[in-house]
Amino acid sequence: MKKSLAPVIHVDESKCINCYACITGCPVKYCMDGSGDKLMINHDMCIGCGNCILVCSHKARHIINDTSKFFEDIKNGEKMIAVVAPAAASVFPEKFLNLNDWLKSLGVESFFDVSFGAELTVIS
């Protein structure tokens, strides 16, 4: 059974006027569903780049912040892994490995660098 991806962008239907600016700005295009009165997102196809948020002049889209859900799940013993972006080194200069230690202290089990995914795509 296929598990759906978690949504990362929310559409406020009360603000969406179906202007298609989000489709124009989206590099994936087919993740946008314009068949109804409001432009909706197929979250299983969305890459979460945020371009649709940037081009929406009606402020009908925003990032879903699930930080509190992360802390709730980790507190309840959910198994977690962390995929840490290289940007962590610039946000926490000279202390970026402390981020992994902190996450481990919360209960995160494993850590991967984002570049690991790039390495997997080029394996021959």
PDB file of N, CA and C in Angstrom:
ATOM      1  N   MET A   1       0.835  -1.174   0.000  1.00  0.00           N
ATOM      2  CA  MET A   1       0.000   0.000   0.000  1.00  0.00           C
ATOM      3  C   MET A   1       0.887   1.247   0.000  1.00  0.00           C
ATOM      4  N   LYS A   2       0.596   2.160  -0.902  1.00  0.00           N
ATOM      5  CA  LYS A   2       1.375   3.380  -1.030  1.00  0.00           C
ATOM      6  C   LYS A   2       1.005   4.367   0.080  1.00  0.00           C
ATOM      7  N   LYS A   3       2.026   4.918   0.710  1.00  0.00           N
ATOM      8  CA  LYS A   3       1.814   5.907   1.755  1.00  0.00           C
ATOM      9  C   LYS A   3       1.951   7.298   1.135  1.00  0.00           C
ATOM     10  N   SER A   4       1.029   8.182   1.414  1.00  0.00           N
ATOM     11  CA  SER A   4       1.064   9.536   0.858  1.00  0.00           C
ATOM     12  C   SER A   4       2.124  10.382   1.553  1.00  0.00           C
ATOM     13  N   LEU A   5       2.654  11.337   0.816  1.00  0.00           N
ATOM     14  CA  LEU A   5       3.622  12.265   1.379  1.00  0.00           C
ATOM     15  C   LEU A   5       2.912  13.306   2.230  1.00  0.00           C
ATOM     16  N   ALA A   6       3.599  13.795   3.219  1.00  0.00           N
ATOM     17  CA  ALA A   6       3.038  14.837   4.077  1.00  0.00           C
ATOM     18  C   ALA A   6       2.978  16.150   3.303  1.00  0.00           C
ATOM     19  N   PRO A   7       1.880  16.878   3.411  1.00  0.00           N
ATOM     20  CA  PRO A   7       1.796  18.183   2.739  1.00  0.00           C
ATOM     21  C   PRO A   7       2.803  19.165   3.331  1.00  0.00           C
ATOM     22  N   VAL A   8       3.386  19.990   2.485  1.00  0.00           N
ATOM     23  CA  VAL A   8       4.317  21.018   2.951  1.00  0.00           C
ATOM     24  C   VAL A   8       3.817  22.429   2.643  1.00  0.00           C
ATOM     25  N   ILE A   9       2.806  22.529   1.769  1.00  0.00           N
ATOM     26  CA  ILE A   9       2.233  23.834   1.413  1.00  0.00           C
ATOM     27  C   ILE A   9       0.720  23.749   1.563  1.00  0.00           C
ATOM     28  N   HIS A  10       0.149  24.753   2.209  1.00  0.00           N
ATOM     29  CA  HIS A  10      -1.299  24.823   2.429  1.00  0.00           C
ATOM     30  C   HIS A  10      -1.913  25.873   1.505  1.00  0.00           C
ATOM     31  N   VAL A  11      -3.079  25.566   0.965  1.00  0.00           N
ATOM     32  CA  VAL A  11      -3.819  26.516   0.139  1.00  0.00           C
ATOM     33  C   VAL A  11      -5.002  27.027   0.956  1.00  0.00           C
ATOM     34  N   ASP A  12      -5.053  28.342   1.161  1.00  0.00           N
ATOM     35  CA  ASP A  12      -6.192  28.975   1.824  1.00  0.00           C
ATOM     36  C   ASP A  12      -7.242  29.245   0.748  1.00  0.00           C
ATOM     37  N   GLU A  13      -8.240  28.381   0.690  1.00  0.00           N
ATOM     38  CA  GLU A  13      -9.248  28.455  -0.364  1.00  0.00           C
ATOM     39  C   GLU A  13     -10.024  29.771  -0.355  1.00  0.00           C
ATOM     40  N   SER A  14     -10.105  30.414   0.794  1.00  0.00           N
ATOM     41  CA  SER A  14     -10.849  31.682   0.859  1.00  0.00           C
ATOM     42  C   SER A  14     -10.098  32.819   0.167  1.00  0.00           C
ATOM     43  N   LYS A  15      -8.791  32.645  -0.055  1.00  0.00           N
ATOM     44  CA  LYS A  15      -7.994  33.686  -0.708  1.00  0.00           C
ATOM     45  C   LYS A  15      -7.660  33.370  -2.167  1.00  0.00           C
ATOM     46  N   CYS A  16      -7.747  32.104  -2.538  1.00  0.00           N
ATOM     47  CA  CYS A  16      -7.398  31.694  -3.903  1.00  0.00           C
ATOM     48  C   CYS A  16      -8.475  32.155  -4.874  1.00  0.00           C
ATOM     49  N   ILE A  17      -8.061  32.838  -5.944  1.00  0.00           N
ATOM     50  CA  ILE A  17      -9.025  33.303  -6.954  1.00  0.00           C
ATOM     51  C   ILE A  17      -8.869  32.545  -8.271  1.00  0.00           C
ATOM     52  N   ASN A  18      -8.105  31.460  -8.259  1.00  0.00           N
ATOM     53  CA  ASN A  18      -7.933  30.612  -9.432  1.00  0.00           C
ATOM     54  C   ASN A  18      -7.282  31.362 -10.598  1.00  0.00           C
ATOM     55  N   CYS A  19      -6.238  32.142 -10.294  1.00  0.00           N
ATOM     56  CA  CYS A  19      -5.583  32.961 -11.318  1.00  0.00           C
ATOM     57  C   CYS A  19      -4.488  32.221 -12.083  1.00  0.00           C
ATOM     58  N   TYR A  20      -4.101  31.046 -11.603  1.00  0.00           N
ATOM     59  CA  TYR A  20      -3.106  30.169 -12.236  1.00  0.00           C
ATOM     60  C   TYR A  20      -1.674  30.681 -12.121  1.00  0.00           C
ATOM     61  N   ALA A  21      -1.421  31.712 -11.333  1.00  0.00           N
ATOM     62  CA  ALA A  21      -0.050  32.189 -11.145  1.00  0.00           C
ATOM     63  C   ALA A  21       0.816  31.099 -10.522  1.00  0.00           C
ATOM     64  N   CYS A  22       0.235  30.301  -9.654  1.00  0.00           N
ATOM     65  CA  CYS A  22       0.989  29.233  -8.998  1.00  0.00           C
ATOM     66  C   CYS A  22       1.426  28.168  -9.996  1.00  0.00           C
ATOM     67  N   ILE A  23       0.575  27.887 -10.976  1.00  0.00           N
ATOM     68  CA  ILE A  23       0.959  26.917 -12.001  1.00  0.00           C
ATOM     69  C   ILE A  23       2.101  27.477 -12.838  1.00  0.00           C
ATOM     70  N   THR A  24       2.019  28.752 -13.163  1.00  0.00           N
ATOM     71  CA  THR A  24       3.082  29.388 -13.938  1.00  0.00           C
ATOM     72  C   THR A  24       4.412  29.318 -13.204  1.00  0.00           C
ATOM     73  N   GLY A  25       4.401  29.534 -11.901  1.00  0.00           N
ATOM     74  CA  GLY A  25       5.629  29.540 -11.109  1.00  0.00           C
ATOM     75  C   GLY A  25       6.140  28.173 -10.707  1.00  0.00           C
ATOM     76  N   CYS A  26       5.319  27.156 -10.836  1.00  0.00           N
ATOM     77  CA  CYS A  26       5.679  25.813 -10.371  1.00  0.00           C
ATOM     78  C   CYS A  26       6.547  25.091 -11.396  1.00  0.00           C
ATOM     79  N   PRO A  27       7.718  24.583 -10.970  1.00  0.00           N
ATOM     80  CA  PRO A  27       8.546  23.834 -11.913  1.00  0.00           C
ATOM     81  C   PRO A  27       7.992  22.443 -12.227  1.00  0.00           C
ATOM     82  N   VAL A  28       7.083  21.939 -11.404  1.00  0.00           N
ATOM     83  CA  VAL A  28       6.535  20.603 -11.602  1.00  0.00           C
ATOM     84  C   VAL A  28       5.232  20.651 -12.402  1.00  0.00           C
ATOM     85  N   LYS A  29       4.499  21.714 -12.321  1.00  0.00           N
ATOM     86  CA  LYS A  29       3.237  21.965 -13.011  1.00  0.00           C
ATOM     87  C   LYS A  29       2.155  20.921 -12.729  1.00  0.00           C
ATOM     88  N   TYR A  30       2.419  19.644 -13.012  1.00  0.00           N
ATOM     89  CA  TYR A  30       1.373  18.634 -12.869  1.00  0.00           C
ATOM     90  C   TYR A  30       1.027  18.329 -11.413  1.00  0.00           C
ATOM     91  N   CYS A  31       1.703  18.960 -10.461  1.00  0.00           N
ATOM     92  CA  CYS A  31       1.289  18.781  -9.064  1.00  0.00           C
ATOM     93  C   CYS A  31       0.148  19.741  -8.722  1.00  0.00           C
ATOM     94  N   MET A  32      -0.132  20.682  -9.629  1.00  0.00           N
ATOM     95  CA  MET A  32      -1.227  21.626  -9.422  1.00  0.00           C
ATOM     96  C   MET A  32      -2.502  21.094 -10.068  1.00  0.00           C
ATOM     97  N   ASP A  33      -3.593  21.163  -9.320  1.00  0.00           N
ATOM     98  CA  ASP A  33      -4.880  20.701  -9.821  1.00  0.00           C
ATOM     99  C   ASP A  33      -5.798  21.910  -9.989  1.00  0.00           C
ATOM    100  N   GLY A  34      -5.992  22.329 -11.227  1.00  0.00           N
ATOM    101  CA  GLY A  34      -6.839  23.481 -11.522  1.00  0.00           C
ATOM    102  C   GLY A  34      -8.211  23.091 -12.012  1.00  0.00           C
ATOM    103  N   SER A  35      -8.632  21.873 -11.742  1.00  0.00           N
ATOM    104  CA  SER A  35      -9.912  21.397 -12.275  1.00  0.00           C
ATOM    105  C   SER A  35     -11.125  21.926 -11.516  1.00  0.00           C
ATOM    106  N   GLY A  36     -10.926  22.458 -10.328  1.00  0.00           N
ATOM    107  CA  GLY A  36     -12.050  22.954  -9.542  1.00  0.00           C
ATOM    108  C   GLY A  36     -12.089  24.475  -9.479  1.00  0.00           C
ATOM    109  N   ASP A  37     -12.811  24.982  -8.513  1.00  0.00           N
ATOM    110  CA  ASP A  37     -12.920  26.432  -8.338  1.00  0.00           C
ATOM    111  C   ASP A  37     -11.641  27.042  -7.763  1.00  0.00           C
ATOM    112  N   LYS A  38     -10.845  26.246  -7.097  1.00  0.00           N
ATOM    113  CA  LYS A  38      -9.607  26.700  -6.477  1.00  0.00           C
ATOM    114  C   LYS A  38      -8.474  25.795  -6.933  1.00  0.00           C
ATOM    115  N   LEU A  39      -7.293  26.351  -7.057  1.00  0.00           N
ATOM    116  CA  LEU A  39      -6.126  25.564  -7.445  1.00  0.00           C
ATOM    117  C   LEU A  39      -5.596  24.820  -6.227  1.00  0.00           C
ATOM    118  N   MET A  40      -5.628  23.514  -6.292  1.00  0.00           N
ATOM    119  CA  MET A  40      -5.184  22.686  -5.190  1.00  0.00           C
ATOM    120  C   MET A  40      -3.857  22.011  -5.551  1.00  0.00           C
ATOM    121  N   ILE A  41      -3.200  21.423  -4.561  1.00  0.00           N
ATOM    122  CA  ILE A  41      -1.899  20.794  -4.741  1.00  0.00           C
ATOM    123  C   ILE A  41      -2.028  19.290  -4.540  1.00  0.00           C
ATOM    124  N   ASN A  42      -1.447  18.536  -5.467  1.00  0.00           N
ATOM    125  CA  ASN A  42      -1.290  17.100  -5.263  1.00  0.00           C
ATOM    126  C   ASN A  42       0.023  16.938  -4.498  1.00  0.00           C
ATOM    127  N   HIS A  43      -0.074  16.725  -3.212  1.00  0.00           N
ATOM    128  CA  HIS A  43       1.100  16.705  -2.340  1.00  0.00           C
ATOM    129  C   HIS A  43       2.051  15.545  -2.645  1.00  0.00           C
ATOM    130  N   ASP A  44       1.553  14.502  -3.270  1.00  0.00           N
ATOM    131  CA  ASP A  44       2.425  13.381  -3.633  1.00  0.00           C
ATOM    132  C   ASP A  44       3.337  13.731  -4.805  1.00  0.00           C
ATOM    133  N   MET A  45       3.036  14.792  -5.514  1.00  0.00           N
ATOM    134  CA  MET A  45       3.867  15.208  -6.641  1.00  0.00           C
ATOM    135  C   MET A  45       4.623  16.503  -6.365  1.00  0.00           C
ATOM    136  N   CYS A  46       4.220  17.247  -5.357  1.00  0.00           N
ATOM    137  CA  CYS A  46       4.835  18.537  -5.026  1.00  0.00           C
ATOM    138  C   CYS A  46       6.249  18.323  -4.476  1.00  0.00           C
ATOM    139  N   ILE A  47       7.201  19.132  -4.971  1.00  0.00           N
ATOM    140  CA  ILE A  47       8.582  19.025  -4.479  1.00  0.00           C
ATOM    141  C   ILE A  47       8.860  20.016  -3.349  1.00  0.00           C
ATOM    142  N   GLY A  48       7.871  20.808  -2.976  1.00  0.00           N
ATOM    143  CA  GLY A  48       8.001  21.702  -1.828  1.00  0.00           C
ATOM    144  C   GLY A  48       8.971  22.850  -2.031  1.00  0.00           C
ATOM    145  N   CYS A  49       9.149  23.308  -3.259  1.00  0.00           N
ATOM    146  CA  CYS A  49      10.141  24.359  -3.540  1.00  0.00           C
ATOM    147  C   CYS A  49       9.677  25.742  -3.067  1.00  0.00           C
ATOM    148  N   GLY A  50       8.365  25.946  -2.958  1.00  0.00           N
ATOM    149  CA  GLY A  50       7.837  27.225  -2.491  1.00  0.00           C
ATOM    150  C   GLY A  50       7.636  28.272  -3.566  1.00  0.00           C
ATOM    151  N   ASN A  51       7.920  27.941  -4.827  1.00  0.00           N
ATOM    152  CA  ASN A  51       7.713  28.928  -5.895  1.00  0.00           C
ATOM    153  C   ASN A  51       6.271  29.396  -5.964  1.00  0.00           C
ATOM    154  N   CYS A  52       5.324  28.502  -5.730  1.00  0.00           N
ATOM    155  CA  CYS A  52       3.908  28.892  -5.792  1.00  0.00           C
ATOM    156  C   CYS A  52       3.578  29.923  -4.711  1.00  0.00           C
ATOM    157  N   ILE A  53       4.258  29.847  -3.590  1.00  0.00           N
ATOM    158  CA  ILE A  53       4.060  30.822  -2.512  1.00  0.00           C
ATOM    159  C   ILE A  53       4.590  32.180  -2.947  1.00  0.00           C
ATOM    160  N   LEU A  54       5.763  32.183  -3.564  1.00  0.00           N
ATOM    161  CA  LEU A  54       6.391  33.438  -3.992  1.00  0.00           C
ATOM    162  C   LEU A  54       5.573  34.168  -5.047  1.00  0.00           C
ATOM    163  N   VAL A  55       4.945  33.433  -5.959  1.00  0.00           N
ATOM    164  CA  VAL A  55       4.223  34.082  -7.060  1.00  0.00           C
ATOM    165  C   VAL A  55       2.765  34.380  -6.741  1.00  0.00           C
ATOM    166  N   CYS A  56       2.258  33.883  -5.638  1.00  0.00           N
ATOM    167  CA  CYS A  56       0.845  34.105  -5.284  1.00  0.00           C
ATOM    168  C   CYS A  56       0.675  35.478  -4.652  1.00  0.00           C
ATOM    169  N   SER A  57       0.165  36.422  -5.433  1.00  0.00           N
ATOM    170  CA  SER A  57      -0.029  37.790  -4.926  1.00  0.00           C
ATOM    171  C   SER A  57      -1.232  37.898  -3.994  1.00  0.00           C
ATOM    172  N   HIS A  58      -2.025  36.833  -3.914  1.00  0.00           N
ATOM    173  CA  HIS A  58      -3.224  36.848  -3.068  1.00  0.00           C
ATOM    174  C   HIS A  58      -2.964  36.243  -1.691  1.00  0.00           C
ATOM    175  N   LYS A  59      -1.721  35.825  -1.458  1.00  0.00           N
ATOM    176  CA  LYS A  59      -1.325  35.228  -0.169  1.00  0.00           C
ATOM    177  C   LYS A  59      -2.204  34.028   0.187  1.00  0.00           C
ATOM    178  N   ALA A  60      -2.535  33.238  -0.837  1.00  0.00           N
ATOM    179  CA  ALA A  60      -3.402  32.084  -0.639  1.00  0.00           C
ATOM    180  C   ALA A  60      -2.622  30.821  -0.284  1.00  0.00           C
ATOM    181  N   ARG A  61      -1.305  30.902  -0.279  1.00  0.00           N
ATOM    182  CA  ARG A  61      -0.484  29.729   0.003  1.00  0.00           C
ATOM    183  C   ARG A  61       0.534  30.057   1.080  1.00  0.00           C
ATOM    184  N   HIS A  62       0.791  29.088   1.929  1.00  0.00           N
ATOM    185  CA  HIS A  62       1.843  29.263   2.929  1.00  0.00           C
ATOM    186  C   HIS A  62       2.447  27.909   3.297  1.00  0.00           C
ATOM    187  N   ILE A  63       3.639  27.969   3.836  1.00  0.00           N
ATOM    188  CA  ILE A  63       4.357  26.772   4.258  1.00  0.00           C
ATOM    189  C   ILE A  63       3.679  26.199   5.504  1.00  0.00           C
ATOM    190  N   ILE A  64       3.557  24.900   5.534  1.00  0.00           N
ATOM    191  CA  ILE A  64       3.019  24.232   6.718  1.00  0.00           C
ATOM    192  C   ILE A  64       4.171  24.030   7.695  1.00  0.00           C
ATOM    193  N   ASN A  65       4.059  24.623   8.854  1.00  0.00           N
ATOM    194  CA  ASN A  65       5.086  24.494   9.888  1.00  0.00           C
ATOM    195  C   ASN A  65       4.638  23.393  10.847  1.00  0.00           C
ATOM    196  N   ASP A  66       5.313  22.247  10.763  1.00  0.00           N
ATOM    197  CA  ASP A  66       4.946  21.120  11.621  1.00  0.00           C
ATOM    198  C   ASP A  66       5.975  20.847  12.708  1.00  0.00           C
ATOM    199  N   THR A  67       6.674  21.903  13.118  1.00  0.00           N
ATOM    200  CA  THR A  67       7.678  21.764  14.174  1.00  0.00           C
ATOM    201  C   THR A  67       7.061  21.219  15.459  1.00  0.00           C
ATOM    202  N   SER A  68       5.907  21.734  15.838  1.00  0.00           N
ATOM    203  CA  SER A  68       5.276  21.259  17.073  1.00  0.00           C
ATOM    204  C   SER A  68       4.885  19.785  16.959  1.00  0.00           C
ATOM    205  N   LYS A  69       4.489  19.351  15.764  1.00  0.00           N
ATOM    206  CA  LYS A  69       4.162  17.938  15.543  1.00  0.00           C
ATOM    207  C   LYS A  69       5.413  17.073  15.701  1.00  0.00           C
ATOM    208  N   PHE A  70       6.559  17.562  15.209  1.00  0.00           N
ATOM    209  CA  PHE A  70       7.829  16.847  15.385  1.00  0.00           C
ATOM    210  C   PHE A  70       8.110  16.639  16.870  1.00  0.00           C
ATOM    211  N   PHE A  71       8.028  17.711  17.658  1.00  0.00           N
ATOM    212  CA  PHE A  71       8.327  17.603  19.083  1.00  0.00           C
ATOM    213  C   PHE A  71       7.326  16.701  19.796  1.00  0.00           C
ATOM    214  N   GLU A  72       6.064  16.755  19.389  1.00  0.00           N
ATOM    215  CA  GLU A  72       5.048  15.888  19.975  1.00  0.00           C
ATOM    216  C   GLU A  72       5.340  14.415  19.651  1.00  0.00           C
ATOM    217  N   ASP A  73       5.655  14.148  18.382  1.00  0.00           N
ATOM    218  CA  ASP A  73       5.938  12.773  17.967  1.00  0.00           C
ATOM    219  C   ASP A  73       7.188  12.220  18.644  1.00  0.00           C
ATOM    220  N   ILE A  74       8.226  13.022  18.717  1.00  0.00           N
ATOM    221  CA  ILE A  74       9.474  12.553  19.341  1.00  0.00           C
ATOM    222  C   ILE A  74       9.254  12.294  20.836  1.00  0.00           C
ATOM    223  N   LYS A  75       8.434  13.130  21.474  1.00  0.00           N
ATOM    224  CA  LYS A  75       8.101  12.951  22.891  1.00  0.00           C
ATOM    225  C   LYS A  75       7.309  11.660  23.107  1.00  0.00           C
ATOM    226  N   ASN A  76       6.484  11.309  22.106  1.00  0.00           N
ATOM    227  CA  ASN A  76       5.663  10.100  22.199  1.00  0.00           C
ATOM    228  C   ASN A  76       6.386   8.843  21.713  1.00  0.00           C
ATOM    229  N   GLY A  77       7.682   8.955  21.447  1.00  0.00           N
ATOM    230  CA  GLY A  77       8.474   7.791  21.100  1.00  0.00           C
ATOM    231  C   GLY A  77       8.447   7.372  19.643  1.00  0.00           C
ATOM    232  N   GLU A  78       7.935   8.224  18.757  1.00  0.00           N
ATOM    233  CA  GLU A  78       7.964   7.907  17.322  1.00  0.00           C
ATOM    234  C   GLU A  78       9.404   7.769  16.867  1.00  0.00           C
ATOM    235  N   LYS A  79       9.676   6.790  16.025  1.00  0.00           N
ATOM    236  CA  LYS A  79      11.018   6.627  15.484  1.00  0.00           C
ATOM    237  C   LYS A  79      11.262   7.719  14.453  1.00  0.00           C
ATOM    238  N   MET A  80      12.427   8.357  14.549  1.00  0.00           N
ATOM    239  CA  MET A  80      12.755   9.480  13.664  1.00  0.00           C
ATOM    240  C   MET A  80      14.175   9.338  13.133  1.00  0.00           C
ATOM    241  N   ILE A  81      14.348   9.825  11.909  1.00  0.00           N
ATOM    242  CA  ILE A  81      15.681  10.049  11.369  1.00  0.00           C
ATOM    243  C   ILE A  81      15.743  11.522  10.981  1.00  0.00           C
ATOM    244  N   ALA A  82      16.939  12.050  10.859  1.00  0.00           N
ATOM    245  CA  ALA A  82      17.111  13.451  10.461  1.00  0.00           C
ATOM    246  C   ALA A  82      17.924  13.501   9.182  1.00  0.00           C
ATOM    247  N   VAL A  83      17.459  14.298   8.240  1.00  0.00           N
ATOM    248  CA  VAL A  83      18.197  14.576   7.017  1.00  0.00           C
ATOM    249  C   VAL A  83      18.632  16.029   7.144  1.00  0.00           C
ATOM    250  N   VAL A  84      19.925  16.225   7.376  1.00  0.00           N
ATOM    251  CA  VAL A  84      20.446  17.556   7.709  1.00  0.00           C
ATOM    252  C   VAL A  84      21.069  18.189   6.466  1.00  0.00           C
ATOM    253  N   ALA A  85      20.628  19.405   6.178  1.00  0.00           N
ATOM    254  CA  ALA A  85      21.134  20.134   5.012  1.00  0.00           C
ATOM    255  C   ALA A  85      22.500  20.744   5.314  1.00  0.00           C
ATOM    256  N   PRO A  86      23.322  20.915   4.271  1.00  0.00           N
ATOM    257  CA  PRO A  86      24.623  21.562   4.462  1.00  0.00           C
ATOM    258  C   PRO A  86      24.498  22.982   5.029  1.00  0.00           C
ATOM    259  N   ALA A  87      23.349  23.600   4.851  1.00  0.00           N
ATOM    260  CA  ALA A  87      23.137  24.950   5.383  1.00  0.00           C
ATOM    261  C   ALA A  87      23.277  24.995   6.900  1.00  0.00           C
ATOM    262  N   ALA A  88      23.136  23.848   7.565  1.00  0.00           N
ATOM    263  CA  ALA A  88      23.297  23.817   9.025  1.00  0.00           C
ATOM    264  C   ALA A  88      24.669  24.332   9.436  1.00  0.00           C
ATOM    265  N   ALA A  89      25.669  24.080   8.606  1.00  0.00           N
ATOM    266  CA  ALA A  89      27.029  24.545   8.920  1.00  0.00           C
ATOM    267  C   ALA A  89      27.122  26.063   8.882  1.00  0.00           C
ATOM    268  N   SER A  90      26.334  26.716   8.024  1.00  0.00           N
ATOM    269  CA  SER A  90      26.379  28.183   7.973  1.00  0.00           C
ATOM    270  C   SER A  90      25.492  28.820   9.038  1.00  0.00           C
ATOM    271  N   VAL A  91      24.449  28.108   9.440  1.00  0.00           N
ATOM    272  CA  VAL A  91      23.556  28.634  10.481  1.00  0.00           C
ATOM    273  C   VAL A  91      24.185  28.475  11.862  1.00  0.00           C
ATOM    274  N   PHE A  92      24.916  27.373  12.048  1.00  0.00           N
ATOM    275  CA  PHE A  92      25.571  27.094  13.324  1.00  0.00           C
ATOM    276  C   PHE A  92      27.079  26.959  13.104  1.00  0.00           C
ATOM    277  N   PRO A  93      27.766  28.037  12.719  1.00  0.00           N
ATOM    278  CA  PRO A  93      29.197  27.915  12.420  1.00  0.00           C
ATOM    279  C   PRO A  93      29.969  27.373  13.624  1.00  0.00           C
ATOM    280  N   GLU A  94      30.851  26.445  13.336  1.00  0.00           N
ATOM    281  CA  GLU A  94      31.727  25.799  14.313  1.00  0.00           C
ATOM    282  C   GLU A  94      30.985  24.958  15.347  1.00  0.00           C
ATOM    283  N   LYS A  95      29.666  24.915  15.267  1.00  0.00           N
ATOM    284  CA  LYS A  95      28.894  24.121  16.226  1.00  0.00           C
ATOM    285  C   LYS A  95      27.822  23.281  15.547  1.00  0.00           C
ATOM    286  N   PHE A  96      27.902  23.137  14.205  1.00  0.00           N
ATOM    287  CA  PHE A  96      26.810  22.477  13.504  1.00  0.00           C
ATOM    288  C   PHE A  96      26.660  21.006  13.876  1.00  0.00           C
ATOM    289  N   LEU A  97      27.734  20.355  14.324  1.00  0.00           N
ATOM    290  CA  LEU A  97      27.591  18.962  14.755  1.00  0.00           C
ATOM    291  C   LEU A  97      26.824  18.875  16.075  1.00  0.00           C
ATOM    292  N   ASN A  98      26.785  19.963  16.819  1.00  0.00           N
ATOM    293  CA  ASN A  98      25.983  19.991  18.048  1.00  0.00           C
ATOM    294  C   ASN A  98      24.495  19.819  17.728  1.00  0.00           C
ATOM    295  N   LEU A  99      24.099  20.216  16.526  1.00  0.00           N
ATOM    296  CA  LEU A  99      22.710  20.026  16.116  1.00  0.00           C
ATOM    297  C   LEU A  99      22.361  18.545  16.143  1.00  0.00           C
ATOM    298  N   ASN A 100      23.235  17.715  15.588  1.00  0.00           N
ATOM    299  CA  ASN A 100      22.995  16.271  15.611  1.00  0.00           C
ATOM    300  C   ASN A 100      22.958  15.731  17.041  1.00  0.00           C
ATOM    301  N   ASP A 101      23.874  16.212  17.881  1.00  0.00           N
ATOM    302  CA  ASP A 101      23.872  15.782  19.287  1.00  0.00           C
ATOM    303  C   ASP A 101      22.569  16.158  19.978  1.00  0.00           C
ATOM    304  N   TRP A 102      22.103  17.367  19.720  1.00  0.00           N
ATOM    305  CA  TRP A 102      20.854  17.819  20.334  1.00  0.00           C
ATOM    306  C   TRP A 102      19.684  16.967  19.855  1.00  0.00           C
ATOM    307  N   LEU A 103      19.620  16.731  18.529  1.00  0.00           N
ATOM    308  CA  LEU A 103      18.543  15.902  17.998  1.00  0.00           C
ATOM    309  C   LEU A 103      18.607  14.486  18.565  1.00  0.00           C
ATOM    310  N   LYS A 104      19.832  13.963  18.716  1.00  0.00           N
ATOM    311  CA  LYS A 104      20.000  12.630  19.295  1.00  0.00           C
ATOM    312  C   LYS A 104      19.497  12.603  20.734  1.00  0.00           C
ATOM    313  N   SER A 105      19.757  13.681  21.485  1.00  0.00           N
ATOM    314  CA  SER A 105      19.293  13.744  22.874  1.00  0.00           C
ATOM    315  C   SER A 105      17.763  13.760  22.961  1.00  0.00           C
ATOM    316  N   LEU A 106      17.112  14.227  21.895  1.00  0.00           N
ATOM    317  CA  LEU A 106      15.648  14.228  21.856  1.00  0.00           C
ATOM    318  C   LEU A 106      15.084  12.856  21.515  1.00  0.00           C
ATOM    319  N   GLY A 107      15.911  12.025  20.849  1.00  0.00           N
ATOM    320  CA  GLY A 107      15.454  10.696  20.473  1.00  0.00           C
ATOM    321  C   GLY A 107      15.574  10.371  18.996  1.00  0.00           C
ATOM    322  N   VAL A 108      16.123  11.268  18.193  1.00  0.00           N
ATOM    323  CA  VAL A 108      16.331  10.985  16.779  1.00  0.00           C
ATOM    324  C   VAL A 108      17.373   9.876  16.671  1.00  0.00           C
ATOM    325  N   GLU A 109      17.066   8.840  15.876  1.00  0.00           N
ATOM    326  CA  GLU A 109      17.893   7.636  15.849  1.00  0.00           C
ATOM    327  C   GLU A 109      19.065   7.682  14.882  1.00  0.00           C
ATOM    328  N   SER A 110      18.876   8.276  13.708  1.00  0.00           N
ATOM    329  CA  SER A 110      19.923   8.277  12.687  1.00  0.00           C
ATOM    330  C   SER A 110      19.982   9.633  12.004  1.00  0.00           C
ATOM    331  N   PHE A 111      21.127   9.902  11.392  1.00  0.00           N
ATOM    332  CA  PHE A 111      21.349  11.185  10.728  1.00  0.00           C
ATOM    333  C   PHE A 111      21.950  10.961   9.356  1.00  0.00           C
ATOM    334  N   PHE A 112      21.469  11.707   8.382  1.00  0.00           N
ATOM    335  CA  PHE A 112      22.002  11.641   7.034  1.00  0.00           C
ATOM    336  C   PHE A 112      22.200  13.057   6.521  1.00  0.00           C
ATOM    337  N   ASP A 113      23.220  13.237   5.717  1.00  0.00           N
ATOM    338  CA  ASP A 113      23.446  14.509   5.047  1.00  0.00           C
ATOM    339  C   ASP A 113      22.591  14.532   3.787  1.00  0.00           C
ATOM    340  N   VAL A 114      22.032  15.673   3.452  1.00  0.00           N
ATOM    341  CA  VAL A 114      21.210  15.802   2.254  1.00  0.00           C
ATOM    342  C   VAL A 114      21.962  15.287   1.023  1.00  0.00           C
ATOM    343  N   SER A 115      23.254  15.522   0.980  1.00  0.00           N
ATOM    344  CA  SER A 115      24.032  15.100  -0.181  1.00  0.00           C
ATOM    345  C   SER A 115      24.043  13.578  -0.356  1.00  0.00           C
ATOM    346  N   PHE A 116      23.689  12.844   0.674  1.00  0.00           N
ATOM    347  CA  PHE A 116      23.600  11.390   0.558  1.00  0.00           C
ATOM    348  C   PHE A 116      22.604  11.010  -0.528  1.00  0.00           C
ATOM    349  N   GLY A 117      21.505  11.745  -0.631  1.00  0.00           N
ATOM    350  CA  GLY A 117      20.509  11.495  -1.671  1.00  0.00           C
ATOM    351  C   GLY A 117      21.088  11.707  -3.062  1.00  0.00           C
ATOM    352  N   ALA A 118      21.920  12.739  -3.202  1.00  0.00           N
ATOM    353  CA  ALA A 118      22.569  12.985  -4.485  1.00  0.00           C
ATOM    354  C   ALA A 118      23.510  11.833  -4.832  1.00  0.00           C
ATOM    355  N   GLU A 119      24.225  11.328  -3.849  1.00  0.00           N
ATOM    356  CA  GLU A 119      25.108  10.194  -4.082  1.00  0.00           C
ATOM    357  C   GLU A 119      24.332   8.956  -4.542  1.00  0.00           C
ATOM    358  N   LEU A 120      23.171   8.732  -3.951  1.00  0.00           N
ATOM    359  CA  LEU A 120      22.372   7.579  -4.335  1.00  0.00           C
ATOM    360  C   LEU A 120      21.889   7.662  -5.783  1.00  0.00           C
ATOM    361  N   THR A 121      21.627   8.875  -6.253  1.00  0.00           N
ATOM    362  CA  THR A 121      21.108   9.021  -7.619  1.00  0.00           C
ATOM    363  C   THR A 121      22.149   8.771  -8.693  1.00  0.00           C
ATOM    364  N   VAL A 122      23.423   8.837  -8.342  1.00  0.00           N
ATOM    365  CA  VAL A 122      24.471   8.649  -9.355  1.00  0.00           C
ATOM    366  C   VAL A 122      25.167   7.287  -9.260  1.00  0.00           C
ATOM    367  N   ILE A 123      24.686   6.427  -8.398  1.00  0.00           N
ATOM    368  CA  ILE A 123      25.274   5.094  -8.295  1.00  0.00           C
ATOM    369  C   ILE A 123      24.992   4.349  -9.594  1.00  0.00           C
ATOM    370  N   SER A 124      26.048   3.764 -10.148  1.00  0.00           N
ATOM    371  CA  SER A 124      25.842   3.035 -11.421  1.00  0.00           C
ATOM    372  C   SER A 124      25.721   1.561 -11.224  1.00  0.00           C
TER     373      SER A 124
END
